[in-house]
Amino acid sequence: MTKAPHSAQDDKKSAAARSQEREQRERRDREEELVKGLEGTFPASDPVSATGSTTSGAPERKKR
């Protein structure tokens, strides 16, 4: 992610407004990365995962 240049107008914005803009930029960046990933794998049988992976199952039991 690249930071936008700081401007005098940014100083006038509230912290909430700056936070919202940052979240919107990050969301847009993630969306662009997903689109690039999809384009790089097309045509494929499995779509690119947009989330992290997890494992399922019960936790290991401690030995007594």
PDB file of N, CA and C in Angstrom:
ATOM      1  N   MET A   1       0.837  -1.160   0.000  1.00  0.00           N
ATOM      2  CA  MET A   1       0.000   0.000   0.000  1.00  0.00           C
ATOM      3  C   MET A   1       0.888   1.231   0.000  1.00  0.00           C
ATOM      4  N   THR A   2       0.536   2.215  -0.770  1.00  0.00           N
ATOM      5  CA  THR A   2       1.299   3.459  -0.808  1.00  0.00           C
ATOM      6  C   THR A   2       0.511   4.537  -0.098  1.00  0.00           C
ATOM      7  N   LYS A   3       1.215   5.401   0.610  1.00  0.00           N
ATOM      8  CA  LYS A   3       0.574   6.504   1.310  1.00  0.00           C
ATOM      9  C   LYS A   3       0.380   7.674   0.361  1.00  0.00           C
ATOM     10  N   ALA A   4      -0.749   8.333   0.506  1.00  0.00           N
ATOM     11  CA  ALA A   4      -1.005   9.534  -0.276  1.00  0.00           C
ATOM     12  C   ALA A   4      -0.181  10.674   0.314  1.00  0.00           C
ATOM     13  N   PRO A   5       0.239  11.606  -0.502  1.00  0.00           N
ATOM     14  CA  PRO A   5       0.999  12.741   0.022  1.00  0.00           C
ATOM     15  C   PRO A   5       0.170  13.542   1.017  1.00  0.00           C
ATOM     16  N   HIS A   6       0.817  14.082   2.029  1.00  0.00           N
ATOM     17  CA  HIS A   6       0.157  14.873   3.052  1.00  0.00           C
ATOM     18  C   HIS A   6      -0.100  16.285   2.518  1.00  0.00           C
ATOM     19  N   SER A   7      -1.286  16.802   2.791  1.00  0.00           N
ATOM     20  CA  SER A   7      -1.590  18.163   2.343  1.00  0.00           C
ATOM     21  C   SER A   7      -2.123  18.987   3.502  1.00  0.00           C
ATOM     22  N   ALA A   8      -2.157  20.295   3.329  1.00  0.00           N
ATOM     23  CA  ALA A   8      -2.682  21.194   4.358  1.00  0.00           C
ATOM     24  C   ALA A   8      -4.152  20.903   4.622  1.00  0.00           C
ATOM     25  N   GLN A   9      -4.859  20.453   3.609  1.00  0.00           N
ATOM     26  CA  GLN A   9      -6.273  20.127   3.765  1.00  0.00           C
ATOM     27  C   GLN A   9      -6.444  18.949   4.717  1.00  0.00           C
ATOM     28  N   ASP A  10      -5.489  17.997   4.731  1.00  0.00           N
ATOM     29  CA  ASP A  10      -5.561  16.857   5.637  1.00  0.00           C
ATOM     30  C   ASP A  10      -5.543  17.306   7.089  1.00  0.00           C
ATOM     31  N   ASP A  11      -4.833  18.399   7.397  1.00  0.00           N
ATOM     32  CA  ASP A  11      -4.757  18.906   8.759  1.00  0.00           C
ATOM     33  C   ASP A  11      -6.113  19.405   9.253  1.00  0.00           C
ATOM     34  N   LYS A  12      -6.981  19.809   8.354  1.00  0.00           N
ATOM     35  CA  LYS A  12      -8.294  20.343   8.723  1.00  0.00           C
ATOM     36  C   LYS A  12      -9.318  19.239   8.950  1.00  0.00           C
ATOM     37  N   LYS A  13      -9.025  18.020   8.518  1.00  0.00           N
ATOM     38  CA  LYS A  13      -9.968  16.917   8.654  1.00  0.00           C
ATOM     39  C   LYS A  13      -9.886  16.328  10.058  1.00  0.00           C
ATOM     40  N   SER A  14     -11.013  15.829  10.516  1.00  0.00           N
ATOM     41  CA  SER A  14     -11.031  15.195  11.825  1.00  0.00           C
ATOM     42  C   SER A  14     -10.321  13.845  11.749  1.00  0.00           C
ATOM     43  N   ALA A  15      -9.956  13.329  12.903  1.00  0.00           N
ATOM     44  CA  ALA A  15      -9.303  12.018  12.964  1.00  0.00           C
ATOM     45  C   ALA A  15     -10.221  10.948  12.385  1.00  0.00           C
ATOM     46  N   ALA A  16     -11.520  11.073  12.629  1.00  0.00           N
ATOM     47  CA  ALA A  16     -12.476  10.088  12.113  1.00  0.00           C
ATOM     48  C   ALA A  16     -12.521  10.121  10.586  1.00  0.00           C
ATOM     49  N   ALA A  17     -12.494  11.321  10.005  1.00  0.00           N
ATOM     50  CA  ALA A  17     -12.531  11.445   8.550  1.00  0.00           C
ATOM     51  C   ALA A  17     -11.263  10.856   7.943  1.00  0.00           C
ATOM     52  N   ARG A  18     -10.096  11.148   8.552  1.00  0.00           N
ATOM     53  CA  ARG A  18      -8.837  10.588   8.047  1.00  0.00           C
ATOM     54  C   ARG A  18      -8.828   9.071   8.165  1.00  0.00           C
ATOM     55  N   SER A  19      -9.363   8.560   9.275  1.00  0.00           N
ATOM     56  CA  SER A  19      -9.418   7.111   9.465  1.00  0.00           C
ATOM     57  C   SER A  19     -10.315   6.454   8.414  1.00  0.00           C
ATOM     58  N   GLN A  20     -11.463   7.062   8.156  1.00  0.00           N
ATOM     59  CA  GLN A  20     -12.382   6.520   7.156  1.00  0.00           C
ATOM     60  C   GLN A  20     -11.738   6.513   5.770  1.00  0.00           C
ATOM     61  N   GLU A  21     -11.065   7.591   5.428  1.00  0.00           N
ATOM     62  CA  GLU A  21     -10.400   7.650   4.121  1.00  0.00           C
ATOM     63  C   GLU A  21      -9.310   6.590   4.014  1.00  0.00           C
ATOM     64  N   ARG A  22      -8.555   6.390   5.092  1.00  0.00           N
ATOM     65  CA  ARG A  22      -7.501   5.369   5.091  1.00  0.00           C
ATOM     66  C   ARG A  22      -8.106   3.980   4.904  1.00  0.00           C
ATOM     67  N   GLU A  23      -9.220   3.696   5.611  1.00  0.00           N
ATOM     68  CA  GLU A  23      -9.887   2.402   5.464  1.00  0.00           C
ATOM     69  C   GLU A  23     -10.405   2.206   4.044  1.00  0.00           C
ATOM     70  N   GLN A  24     -10.938   3.255   3.445  1.00  0.00           N
ATOM     71  CA  GLN A  24     -11.431   3.156   2.072  1.00  0.00           C
ATOM     72  C   GLN A  24     -10.280   2.872   1.103  1.00  0.00           C
ATOM     73  N   ARG A  25      -9.123   3.553   1.299  1.00  0.00           N
ATOM     74  CA  ARG A  25      -7.957   3.289   0.444  1.00  0.00           C
ATOM     75  C   ARG A  25      -7.492   1.848   0.615  1.00  0.00           C
ATOM     76  N   GLU A  26      -7.441   1.358   1.861  1.00  0.00           N
ATOM     77  CA  GLU A  26      -6.988  -0.003   2.114  1.00  0.00           C
ATOM     78  C   GLU A  26      -7.942  -1.011   1.476  1.00  0.00           C
ATOM     79  N   ARG A  27      -9.245  -0.757   1.588  1.00  0.00           N
ATOM     80  CA  ARG A  27     -10.238  -1.656   0.986  1.00  0.00           C
ATOM     81  C   ARG A  27     -10.084  -1.676  -0.538  1.00  0.00           C
ATOM     82  N   ARG A  28      -9.869  -0.483  -1.122  1.00  0.00           N
ATOM     83  CA  ARG A  28      -9.684  -0.389  -2.570  1.00  0.00           C
ATOM     84  C   ARG A  28      -8.403  -1.122  -2.992  1.00  0.00           C
ATOM     85  N   ASP A  29      -7.334  -0.977  -2.199  1.00  0.00           N
ATOM     86  CA  ASP A  29      -6.076  -1.669  -2.499  1.00  0.00           C
ATOM     87  C   ASP A  29      -6.261  -3.190  -2.444  1.00  0.00           C
ATOM     88  N   ARG A  30      -6.978  -3.682  -1.417  1.00  0.00           N
ATOM     89  CA  ARG A  30      -7.232  -5.131  -1.316  1.00  0.00           C
ATOM     90  C   ARG A  30      -8.033  -5.631  -2.506  1.00  0.00           C
ATOM     91  N   GLU A  31      -9.036  -4.842  -2.907  1.00  0.00           N
ATOM     92  CA  GLU A  31      -9.870  -5.216  -4.058  1.00  0.00           C
ATOM     93  C   GLU A  31      -9.026  -5.289  -5.322  1.00  0.00           C
ATOM     94  N   GLU A  32      -8.130  -4.316  -5.506  1.00  0.00           N
ATOM     95  CA  GLU A  32      -7.258  -4.324  -6.683  1.00  0.00           C
ATOM     96  C   GLU A  32      -6.330  -5.541  -6.669  1.00  0.00           C
ATOM     97  N   GLU A  33      -5.800  -5.886  -5.490  1.00  0.00           N
ATOM     98  CA  GLU A  33      -4.934  -7.066  -5.384  1.00  0.00           C
ATOM     99  C   GLU A  33      -5.708  -8.332  -5.720  1.00  0.00           C
ATOM    100  N   LEU A  34      -6.956  -8.427  -5.250  1.00  0.00           N
ATOM    101  CA  LEU A  34      -7.773  -9.590  -5.548  1.00  0.00           C
ATOM    102  C   LEU A  34      -8.031  -9.704  -7.049  1.00  0.00           C
ATOM    103  N   VAL A  35      -8.359  -8.585  -7.686  1.00  0.00           N
ATOM    104  CA  VAL A  35      -8.619  -8.599  -9.134  1.00  0.00           C
ATOM    105  C   VAL A  35      -7.361  -9.026  -9.888  1.00  0.00           C
ATOM    106  N   LYS A  36      -6.204  -8.499  -9.501  1.00  0.00           N
ATOM    107  CA  LYS A  36      -4.951  -8.888 -10.149  1.00  0.00           C
ATOM    108  C   LYS A  36      -4.682 -10.372  -9.951  1.00  0.00           C
ATOM    109  N   GLY A  37      -4.939 -10.855  -8.741  1.00  0.00           N
ATOM    110  CA  GLY A  37      -4.739 -12.281  -8.470  1.00  0.00           C
ATOM    111  C   GLY A  37      -5.660 -13.148  -9.300  1.00  0.00           C
ATOM    112  N   LEU A  38      -6.906 -12.722  -9.437  1.00  0.00           N
ATOM    113  CA  LEU A  38      -7.853 -13.482 -10.246  1.00  0.00           C
ATOM    114  C   LEU A  38      -7.453 -13.478 -11.711  1.00  0.00           C
ATOM    115  N   GLU A  39      -7.010 -12.330 -12.199  1.00  0.00           N
ATOM    116  CA  GLU A  39      -6.582 -12.246 -13.595  1.00  0.00           C
ATOM    117  C   GLU A  39      -5.361 -13.125 -13.837  1.00  0.00           C
ATOM    118  N   GLY A  40      -4.470 -13.203 -12.842  1.00  0.00           N
ATOM    119  CA  GLY A  40      -3.256 -14.003 -12.983  1.00  0.00           C
ATOM    120  C   GLY A  40      -3.501 -15.498 -12.954  1.00  0.00           C
ATOM    121  N   THR A  41      -4.643 -15.925 -12.437  1.00  0.00           N
ATOM    122  CA  THR A  41      -4.928 -17.360 -12.337  1.00  0.00           C
ATOM    123  C   THR A  41      -5.992 -17.819 -13.321  1.00  0.00           C
ATOM    124  N   PHE A  42      -6.582 -16.915 -14.055  1.00  0.00           N
ATOM    125  CA  PHE A  42      -7.654 -17.291 -14.977  1.00  0.00           C
ATOM    126  C   PHE A  42      -7.091 -17.942 -16.221  1.00  0.00           C
ATOM    127  N   PRO A  43      -7.654 -18.957 -16.781  1.00  0.00           N
ATOM    128  CA  PRO A  43      -8.753 -19.745 -16.256  1.00  0.00           C
ATOM    129  C   PRO A  43      -8.218 -20.834 -15.327  1.00  0.00           C
ATOM    130  N   ALA A  44      -8.818 -20.959 -14.205  1.00  0.00           N
ATOM    131  CA  ALA A  44      -8.431 -21.978 -13.233  1.00  0.00           C
ATOM    132  C   ALA A  44      -9.698 -22.572 -12.626  1.00  0.00           C
ATOM    133  N   SER A  45      -9.550 -23.748 -12.057  1.00  0.00           N
ATOM    134  CA  SER A  45     -10.719 -24.398 -11.486  1.00  0.00           C
ATOM    135  C   SER A  45     -11.040 -23.871 -10.094  1.00  0.00           C
ATOM    136  N   ASP A  46     -10.051 -23.362  -9.371  1.00  0.00           N
ATOM    137  CA  ASP A  46     -10.276 -22.888  -8.013  1.00  0.00           C
ATOM    138  C   ASP A  46     -10.056 -21.378  -7.941  1.00  0.00           C
ATOM    139  N   PRO A  47     -10.991 -20.648  -7.339  1.00  0.00           N
ATOM    140  CA  PRO A  47     -10.817 -19.196  -7.214  1.00  0.00           C
ATOM    141  C   PRO A  47      -9.742 -18.860  -6.187  1.00  0.00           C
ATOM    142  N   VAL A  48      -9.204 -17.675  -6.278  1.00  0.00           N
ATOM    143  CA  VAL A  48      -8.224 -17.181  -5.323  1.00  0.00           C
ATOM    144  C   VAL A  48      -8.925 -16.935  -4.003  1.00  0.00           C
ATOM    145  N   SER A  49      -8.288 -17.294  -2.896  1.00  0.00           N
ATOM    146  CA  SER A  49      -8.854 -17.072  -1.580  1.00  0.00           C
ATOM    147  C   SER A  49      -8.607 -15.637  -1.149  1.00  0.00           C
ATOM    148  N   ALA A  50      -9.667 -14.946  -0.745  1.00  0.00           N
ATOM    149  CA  ALA A  50      -9.541 -13.567  -0.296  1.00  0.00           C
ATOM    150  C   ALA A  50      -9.313 -13.491   1.212  1.00  0.00           C
ATOM    151  N   THR A  51      -9.357 -14.626   1.883  1.00  0.00           N
ATOM    152  CA  THR A  51      -9.163 -14.651   3.328  1.00  0.00           C
ATOM    153  C   THR A  51      -8.054 -15.622   3.683  1.00  0.00           C
ATOM    154  N   GLY A  52      -7.607 -15.565   4.905  1.00  0.00           N
ATOM    155  CA  GLY A  52      -6.575 -16.481   5.384  1.00  0.00           C
ATOM    156  C   GLY A  52      -7.142 -17.872   5.583  1.00  0.00           C
ATOM    157  N   SER A  53      -6.251 -18.837   5.700  1.00  0.00           N
ATOM    158  CA  SER A  53      -6.710 -20.201   5.888  1.00  0.00           C
ATOM    159  C   SER A  53      -6.702 -20.552   7.366  1.00  0.00           C
ATOM    160  N   THR A  54      -7.556 -21.485   7.728  1.00  0.00           N
ATOM    161  CA  THR A  54      -7.622 -21.982   9.093  1.00  0.00           C
ATOM    162  C   THR A  54      -7.676 -23.494   9.047  1.00  0.00           C
ATOM    163  N   THR A  55      -7.418 -24.109  10.168  1.00  0.00           N
ATOM    164  CA  THR A  55      -7.541 -25.559  10.251  1.00  0.00           C
ATOM    165  C   THR A  55      -8.740 -25.886  11.112  1.00  0.00           C
ATOM    166  N   SER A  56      -9.369 -27.008  10.828  1.00  0.00           N
ATOM    167  CA  SER A  56     -10.545 -27.404  11.589  1.00  0.00           C
ATOM    168  C   SER A  56     -10.217 -28.641  12.407  1.00  0.00           C
ATOM    169  N   GLY A  57     -11.092 -28.927  13.313  1.00  0.00           N
ATOM    170  CA  GLY A  57     -10.910 -30.101  14.153  1.00  0.00           C
ATOM    171  C   GLY A  57     -10.735 -29.703  15.605  1.00  0.00           C
ATOM    172  N   ALA A  58     -10.852 -30.703  16.453  1.00  0.00           N
ATOM    173  CA  ALA A  58     -10.715 -30.464  17.887  1.00  0.00           C
ATOM    174  C   ALA A  58      -9.261 -30.208  18.243  1.00  0.00           C
ATOM    175  N   PRO A  59      -9.023 -29.427  19.294  1.00  0.00           N
ATOM    176  CA  PRO A  59      -7.643 -29.199  19.720  1.00  0.00           C
ATOM    177  C   PRO A  59      -7.030 -30.484  20.262  1.00  0.00           C
ATOM    178  N   GLU A  60      -5.712 -30.558  20.173  1.00  0.00           N
ATOM    179  CA  GLU A  60      -5.033 -31.745  20.686  1.00  0.00           C
ATOM    180  C   GLU A  60      -5.206 -31.828  22.183  1.00  0.00           C
ATOM    181  N   ARG A  61      -5.351 -33.073  22.684  1.00  0.00           N
ATOM    182  CA  ARG A  61      -5.494 -33.279  24.124  1.00  0.00           C
ATOM    183  C   ARG A  61      -4.121 -33.382  24.758  1.00  0.00           C
ATOM    184  N   LYS A  62      -4.016 -32.837  25.962  1.00  0.00           N
ATOM    185  CA  LYS A  62      -2.767 -32.917  26.694  1.00  0.00           C
ATOM    186  C   LYS A  62      -2.601 -34.299  27.296  1.00  0.00           C
ATOM    187  N   LYS A  63      -1.379 -34.824  27.264  1.00  0.00           N
ATOM    188  CA  LYS A  63      -1.108 -36.109  27.877  1.00  0.00           C
ATOM    189  C   LYS A  63      -0.982 -35.909  29.376  1.00  0.00           C
ATOM    190  N   ARG A  64      -1.495 -36.872  30.127  1.00  0.00           N
ATOM    191  CA  ARG A  64      -1.445 -36.761  31.589  1.00  0.00           C
ATOM    192  C   ARG A  64      -0.219 -37.423  32.133  1.00  0.00           C
TER     193      ARG A  64
END
